[in-house]
Amino acid sequence: KQVIIQRIREAERETMYTEYKEKEGQVVNGQVQRVEGRNVFVDLGKSIGILFPSEQIEGENYRVGQHLKVYLARVESDTKGPGLLLSRTHPEMVRHLFALEVPEIFAGTVEIKAIAREAGSRTKIAVASTEEGIDPIGSCVGQKGTRVQAIIDELGGEKVDIIEWKDDSKQFISAALSPAKVLSVELFEDEKRAIVKVPEDQLSLAIGKRGQNVRLASELTGWTINVMSLEEAADKHEAEAGQVIQLFVEQLDIDEEVAEILVEEGFTTLEEVAYVPLEEMTAIEGFDADIATELRARAKDALLTQAIASEEQLDAREPAEDLLGMEGMDRHLA
């Protein structure tokens, strides 16, 4: 009898695991069954899931019998049955709530391209239309804001910013910093970094409380965003220009006036002076072929001097112990 009962329970557990495994990564309805310490146990109908403190929205209170939507983050199989790990903070929960409230998202005519969330406080989502004539933001907001308000209520008052996805990175970053107004965006592709200039009165709005707005915008776009006012940008540019002028004066042995002309024409490094096409430099007013050739030669000499100094520094240093300890490594190679 015990063996038969045990096998029946194993079969029930396996069936339950299979059923909930199919629902993994979805939002499900549940009812709070009990609260033990800070852990909340939610009845999902055929099984009980657990909502750990780290997965609970800060400030939310859960009471026995309360109905709520939860995200089924992970389903694990153990000897006592399927371990259903629930979440209210997962960014994907927002995606599924929108799919439930917005028919266009459910149908696929509006797509959520990216989500950045700080649960309980603010969420930014980027949406795009897959069909012409459909307003992705309007679809998500709903008439008089009814659709988005239903999601805000479900998330306990969490603010939701809906932004239109743009393929152009500058436009997308500008939109992501909403509600702040952006004047210009400068991109540094290699570092995946952007410098955003905003009016002085928009600076605190763009950064947000404790840096939240710019932090979420960075997460949403995938770019590291630095926000500064026009005044700060001008000061930064002036300081950087001053450093480059000083570099040219010292390394090229030229007076400050010539160095300023080079900076004004867009030269920022010795490499640019050394290897820019001759015709580009002779196009500068007051620069003839002789001056351009001399400046290029001085820049190349300065770069060579730097390279030799760098090599001498390396020669004087002992290789690191972990490098020497590598298999097949000798001191000469290191």
Protein backbone atom coordinates (compact mmCIF):
# COMPACT_ATOMS: atom_id res chain seq x y z
CA LYS A 1 0.00 0.00 0.00
CA GLN A 2 2.78 2.46 0.96
CA VAL A 3 4.65 1.76 -2.28
CA ILE A 4 1.49 2.37 -4.35
CA ILE A 5 0.74 5.64 -2.48
CA GLN A 6 4.35 6.77 -2.93
CA ARG A 7 4.27 6.06 -6.68
CA ILE A 8 0.94 7.90 -7.05
CA ARG A 9 2.39 10.96 -5.26
CA GLU A 10 5.49 10.87 -7.46
CA ALA A 11 3.28 10.75 -10.57
CA GLU A 12 1.21 13.68 -9.23
CA ARG A 13 4.38 15.68 -8.54
CA GLU A 14 5.70 14.96 -12.02
CA THR A 15 2.39 16.02 -13.62
CA MET A 16 2.33 19.20 -11.50
CA TYR A 17 5.95 20.00 -12.41
CA THR A 18 5.26 19.55 -16.13
CA GLU A 19 2.15 21.75 -15.93
CA TYR A 20 3.86 24.64 -14.15
CA LYS A 21 7.09 24.31 -16.15
CA GLU A 22 5.04 25.26 -19.22
CA LYS A 23 3.91 28.42 -17.37
CA GLU A 24 7.45 29.42 -16.36
CA GLY A 25 8.13 33.02 -17.39
CA GLN A 26 4.45 33.99 -17.30
CA VAL A 27 2.23 36.03 -14.98
CA VAL A 28 -0.23 33.89 -13.03
CA ASN A 29 -3.06 34.68 -10.61
CA GLY A 30 -2.74 33.63 -7.00
CA GLN A 31 -4.10 34.11 -3.51
CA VAL A 32 -1.98 34.65 -0.42
CA GLN A 33 -2.27 31.48 1.64
CA ARG A 34 0.02 32.36 4.54
CA VAL A 35 2.84 34.67 5.57
CA GLU A 36 5.80 33.22 7.49
CA GLY A 37 8.23 35.89 8.63
CA ARG A 38 8.95 37.83 5.45
CA ASN A 39 8.23 34.89 3.10
CA VAL A 40 4.82 34.90 1.42
CA PHE A 41 3.21 31.64 0.27
CA VAL A 42 0.81 32.04 -2.65
CA ASP A 43 -1.84 29.49 -3.65
CA LEU A 44 -1.78 29.17 -7.45
CA GLY A 45 -4.67 26.70 -7.59
CA LYS A 46 -2.97 23.33 -7.80
CA SER A 47 0.24 24.17 -5.98
CA ILE A 48 1.81 26.68 -3.63
CA GLY A 49 4.50 29.15 -4.74
CA ILE A 50 6.85 31.17 -2.57
CA LEU A 51 7.54 34.90 -2.79
CA PHE A 52 10.88 35.64 -1.11
CA PRO A 53 11.57 39.13 0.38
CA SER A 54 14.03 39.95 -2.44
CA GLU A 55 11.22 39.39 -4.99
CA GLN A 56 8.64 41.53 -3.17
CA ILE A 57 7.92 45.14 -4.13
CA GLU A 58 9.27 47.43 -1.42
CA GLY A 59 6.48 48.90 0.67
CA GLU A 60 3.86 46.31 -0.32
CA ASN A 61 2.03 44.52 2.48
CA TYR A 62 0.54 41.08 1.85
CA ARG A 63 -2.41 39.73 3.81
CA VAL A 64 -3.95 36.25 3.89
CA GLY A 65 -6.69 35.87 1.28
CA GLN A 66 -5.37 38.72 -0.88
CA HIS A 67 -5.59 38.14 -4.66
CA LEU A 68 -2.55 39.23 -6.66
CA LYS A 69 -0.70 38.62 -9.90
CA VAL A 70 2.78 37.11 -9.66
CA TYR A 71 5.50 36.29 -12.16
CA LEU A 72 6.49 32.60 -12.21
CA ALA A 73 10.23 33.11 -12.30
CA ARG A 74 11.45 29.53 -11.89
CA VAL A 75 10.06 26.03 -11.47
CA GLU A 76 12.28 23.53 -9.68
CA SER A 77 11.61 19.84 -9.11
CA ASP A 78 12.32 18.46 -5.63
CA THR A 79 11.19 15.59 -3.44
CA LYS A 80 8.29 17.58 -1.98
CA GLY A 81 6.95 18.65 -5.35
CA PRO A 82 7.58 21.51 -7.78
CA GLY A 83 9.33 24.48 -6.17
CA LEU A 84 7.53 27.49 -7.60
CA LEU A 85 9.66 30.62 -7.18
CA LEU A 86 7.57 33.75 -7.66
CA SER A 87 8.45 37.40 -8.24
CA ARG A 88 6.74 40.78 -8.18
CA THR A 89 9.92 42.72 -9.06
CA HIS A 90 11.02 40.98 -12.29
CA PRO A 91 11.10 43.36 -15.32
CA GLU A 92 9.36 40.72 -17.45
CA MET A 93 6.31 40.98 -15.20
CA VAL A 94 5.65 44.42 -16.69
CA ARG A 95 5.83 42.98 -20.22
CA HIS A 96 3.22 40.33 -19.39
CA LEU A 97 0.92 42.81 -17.64
CA PHE A 98 0.96 44.98 -20.76
CA ALA A 99 0.21 41.92 -22.90
CA LEU A 100 -2.83 41.24 -20.69
CA GLU A 101 -4.08 44.85 -20.83
CA VAL A 102 -3.13 45.89 -24.38
CA PRO A 103 -4.68 43.82 -27.22
CA GLU A 104 -2.18 45.25 -29.72
CA ILE A 105 0.76 43.82 -27.72
CA PHE A 106 -1.00 40.48 -27.33
CA ALA A 107 -1.65 40.42 -31.11
CA GLY A 108 1.93 41.45 -31.92
CA THR A 109 1.14 44.72 -33.74
CA VAL A 110 2.87 46.62 -30.93
CA GLU A 111 6.10 45.24 -29.51
CA ILE A 112 7.92 45.99 -26.24
CA LYS A 113 11.56 46.32 -27.32
CA ALA A 114 13.22 47.06 -23.96
CA ILE A 115 12.37 47.36 -20.26
CA ALA A 116 14.23 49.05 -17.40
CA ARG A 117 12.70 48.71 -13.96
CA GLU A 118 13.27 49.72 -10.35
CA ALA A 119 10.40 47.82 -8.75
CA GLY A 120 8.03 49.85 -6.62
CA SER A 121 9.37 53.14 -7.91
CA ARG A 122 9.62 53.53 -11.69
CA THR A 123 9.68 51.57 -14.94
CA LYS A 124 10.59 52.68 -18.45
CA ILE A 125 9.47 50.65 -21.46
CA ALA A 126 10.33 51.21 -25.12
CA VAL A 127 7.60 50.25 -27.58
CA ALA A 128 7.44 50.06 -31.37
CA SER A 129 4.69 49.41 -33.89
CA THR A 130 5.06 46.53 -36.36
CA GLU A 131 2.30 47.90 -38.60
CA GLU A 132 1.86 51.34 -40.13
CA GLY A 133 -0.89 53.53 -38.77
CA ILE A 134 -0.72 52.17 -35.21
CA ASP A 135 0.40 54.52 -32.44
CA PRO A 136 2.43 52.34 -30.04
CA ILE A 137 2.35 54.81 -27.13
CA GLY A 138 -1.37 55.56 -27.52
CA SER A 139 -2.14 51.83 -27.63
CA CYS A 140 -0.31 51.25 -24.34
CA VAL A 141 -1.77 54.29 -22.59
CA GLY A 142 -5.34 53.56 -23.64
CA GLN A 143 -8.32 55.90 -23.72
CA LYS A 144 -7.91 58.45 -20.91
CA GLY A 145 -5.00 56.36 -19.63
CA THR A 146 -7.15 53.41 -18.57
CA ARG A 147 -4.79 50.66 -19.77
CA VAL A 148 -1.60 51.96 -18.21
CA GLN A 149 -3.48 52.97 -15.03
CA ALA A 150 -4.63 49.36 -14.55
CA ILE A 151 -0.98 48.25 -14.67
CA ILE A 152 0.11 51.03 -12.29
CA ASP A 153 -2.60 49.94 -9.83
CA GLU A 154 -1.49 46.30 -10.09
CA LEU A 155 2.10 47.36 -9.32
CA GLY A 156 1.08 49.38 -6.27
CA GLY A 157 1.43 52.85 -7.81
CA GLU A 158 4.74 52.27 -9.59
CA LYS A 159 5.28 54.99 -12.23
CA VAL A 160 5.48 53.77 -15.84
CA ASP A 161 7.13 55.82 -18.61
CA ILE A 162 6.22 54.67 -22.12
CA ILE A 163 8.77 55.67 -24.77
CA GLU A 164 8.73 55.09 -28.52
CA TRP A 165 11.62 52.94 -29.71
CA LYS A 166 13.95 54.61 -32.21
CA ASP A 167 16.65 52.94 -34.35
CA ASP A 168 18.57 56.22 -34.24
CA SER A 169 20.53 56.09 -30.96
CA LYS A 170 20.52 59.88 -30.46
CA GLN A 171 16.74 60.10 -30.82
CA PHE A 172 16.22 57.06 -28.59
CA ILE A 173 18.46 58.44 -25.81
CA SER A 174 16.63 61.81 -25.99
CA ALA A 175 13.26 60.05 -25.68
CA ALA A 176 14.50 57.77 -22.88
CA LEU A 177 15.35 60.78 -20.68
CA SER A 178 11.69 61.87 -20.80
CA PRO A 179 10.15 63.93 -19.23
CA ALA A 180 13.30 66.09 -19.49
CA LYS A 181 13.94 68.11 -22.68
CA VAL A 182 17.24 67.33 -24.40
CA LEU A 183 19.22 69.87 -26.46
CA SER A 184 21.84 67.60 -27.98
CA VAL A 185 23.37 64.11 -27.73
CA GLU A 186 27.03 63.34 -28.44
CA LEU A 187 27.88 59.65 -28.92
CA PHE A 188 31.18 57.86 -28.28
CA GLU A 189 30.60 54.57 -30.12
CA ASP A 190 33.75 52.76 -28.92
CA GLU A 191 32.89 53.28 -25.25
CA LYS A 192 29.10 53.01 -25.79
CA ARG A 193 28.88 56.33 -23.94
CA ALA A 194 26.72 59.39 -24.57
CA ILE A 195 27.02 62.98 -23.35
CA VAL A 196 23.62 64.66 -23.20
CA LYS A 197 23.22 68.43 -22.94
CA VAL A 198 20.08 69.84 -21.35
CA PRO A 199 18.92 73.35 -20.33
CA GLU A 200 19.97 74.39 -16.82
CA ASP A 201 16.39 74.19 -15.50
CA GLN A 202 16.01 70.62 -16.85
CA LEU A 203 19.19 69.19 -15.28
CA SER A 204 17.64 67.86 -12.06
CA LEU A 205 14.65 66.47 -14.00
CA ALA A 206 16.93 64.65 -16.47
CA ILE A 207 19.03 63.13 -13.67
CA GLY A 208 16.01 62.32 -11.51
CA LYS A 209 15.74 61.67 -7.80
CA ARG A 210 18.96 59.95 -6.67
CA GLY A 211 19.93 59.62 -10.34
CA GLN A 212 17.03 57.29 -11.10
CA ASN A 213 15.89 58.82 -14.41
CA VAL A 214 19.33 58.77 -16.05
CA ARG A 215 20.07 55.32 -14.56
CA LEU A 216 16.90 53.80 -16.04
CA ALA A 217 17.48 55.57 -19.37
CA SER A 218 21.00 54.08 -19.51
CA GLU A 219 19.64 50.60 -18.79
CA LEU A 220 16.85 51.00 -21.35
CA THR A 221 19.10 52.20 -24.19
CA GLY A 222 22.24 50.21 -23.39
CA TRP A 223 24.34 53.41 -23.38
CA THR A 224 26.19 54.97 -20.45
CA ILE A 225 24.60 58.42 -20.28
CA ASN A 226 26.27 61.49 -18.78
CA VAL A 227 23.91 64.44 -18.38
CA MET A 228 25.20 68.00 -18.15
CA SER A 229 23.85 71.50 -18.59
CA LEU A 230 25.04 73.77 -21.42
CA GLU A 231 27.16 75.72 -18.96
CA GLU A 232 28.83 72.56 -17.62
CA ALA A 233 29.38 71.27 -21.17
CA ALA A 234 31.02 74.56 -22.16
CA ASP A 235 33.29 74.48 -19.08
CA LYS A 236 34.23 70.84 -19.79
CA HIS A 237 34.98 71.61 -23.44
CA GLU A 238 37.10 74.61 -22.45
CA ALA A 239 39.06 72.56 -19.93
CA GLU A 240 39.69 69.76 -22.42
CA ALA A 241 40.71 72.24 -25.11
CA GLY A 242 43.14 73.88 -22.67
CA GLN A 243 44.79 70.50 -21.97
CA VAL A 244 45.18 69.76 -25.71
CA ILE A 245 46.64 73.26 -26.36
CA GLN A 246 49.17 72.71 -23.57
CA LEU A 247 50.07 69.29 -25.04
CA PHE A 248 50.68 70.78 -28.51
CA VAL A 249 52.75 73.68 -27.11
CA GLU A 250 55.02 71.30 -25.19
CA GLN A 251 55.29 68.41 -27.64
CA LEU A 252 55.38 70.31 -30.95
CA ASP A 253 57.41 73.26 -29.64
CA ILE A 254 54.94 75.80 -31.05
CA ASP A 255 53.44 78.96 -29.57
CA GLU A 256 49.99 78.97 -27.99
CA GLU A 257 48.37 80.82 -30.90
CA VAL A 258 49.27 78.05 -33.41
CA ALA A 259 48.15 75.40 -30.92
CA GLU A 260 44.77 77.16 -30.54
CA ILE A 261 44.30 77.17 -34.33
CA LEU A 262 44.95 73.41 -34.44
CA VAL A 263 42.38 72.79 -31.67
CA GLU A 264 39.81 75.06 -33.35
CA GLU A 265 40.27 73.02 -36.54
CA GLY A 266 39.42 69.83 -34.61
CA PHE A 267 42.85 68.36 -33.85
CA THR A 268 42.87 66.65 -30.43
CA THR A 269 45.85 64.26 -30.48
CA LEU A 270 49.44 64.09 -31.73
CA GLU A 271 48.43 61.12 -33.94
CA GLU A 272 45.96 63.31 -35.81
CA VAL A 273 48.61 65.99 -36.43
CA ALA A 274 51.16 63.37 -37.53
CA TYR A 275 49.01 61.37 -39.92
CA VAL A 276 46.23 63.63 -41.21
CA PRO A 277 46.46 64.04 -45.03
CA LEU A 278 48.72 66.94 -45.96
CA GLU A 279 45.97 68.64 -48.01
CA GLU A 280 43.71 68.84 -44.93
CA MET A 281 46.35 70.72 -42.96
CA THR A 282 47.29 73.05 -45.83
CA ALA A 283 43.58 73.94 -46.15
CA ILE A 284 43.85 75.74 -42.78
CA GLU A 285 44.16 79.48 -43.27
CA GLY A 286 47.78 80.61 -42.85
CA PHE A 287 49.22 77.08 -43.13
CA ASP A 288 51.31 76.34 -46.23
CA ALA A 289 52.94 73.05 -47.26
CA ASP A 290 56.19 73.86 -45.38
CA ILE A 291 54.39 74.58 -42.08
CA ALA A 292 52.18 71.49 -42.45
CA THR A 293 55.16 69.23 -43.23
CA GLU A 294 57.13 70.59 -40.27
CA LEU A 295 54.21 70.12 -37.86
CA ARG A 296 53.69 66.54 -39.05
CA ALA A 297 57.40 65.77 -38.62
CA ARG A 298 57.47 67.22 -35.08
CA ALA A 299 54.36 65.22 -34.15
CA LYS A 300 55.95 61.98 -35.44
CA ASP A 301 59.16 62.72 -33.49
CA ALA A 302 57.13 63.35 -30.31
CA LEU A 303 55.23 60.07 -30.75
CA LEU A 304 58.50 58.17 -31.35
CA THR A 305 60.01 59.69 -28.20
CA GLN A 306 56.94 58.61 -26.20
CA ALA A 307 57.13 55.07 -27.61
CA ILE A 308 60.85 54.75 -26.73
CA ALA A 309 60.22 56.05 -23.19
CA SER A 310 57.35 53.59 -22.76
CA GLU A 311 59.54 50.68 -23.94
CA GLU A 312 62.34 51.69 -21.55
CA GLN A 313 59.85 51.69 -18.66
CA LEU A 314 58.75 48.16 -19.60
CA ASP A 315 62.38 46.97 -19.80
CA ALA A 316 63.01 48.24 -16.27
CA ARG A 317 60.05 46.35 -14.80
CA GLU A 318 60.04 42.75 -13.63
CA PRO A 319 57.30 40.50 -15.11
CA ALA A 320 54.45 39.69 -12.72
CA GLU A 321 54.68 36.44 -10.73
CA ASP A 322 51.41 35.04 -12.11
CA LEU A 323 52.73 35.61 -15.66
CA LEU A 324 56.02 33.87 -14.85
CA GLY A 325 54.09 30.97 -13.28
CA MET A 326 52.15 30.15 -16.47
CA GLU A 327 52.81 26.78 -18.08
CA GLY A 328 55.48 26.96 -20.79
CA MET A 329 56.52 30.51 -19.79
CA ASP A 330 60.15 31.62 -19.32
CA ARG A 331 61.54 34.95 -18.13
CA HIS A 332 62.62 36.10 -21.62
CA LEU A 333 59.17 35.52 -23.12
CA ALA A 334 57.42 37.09 -20.11
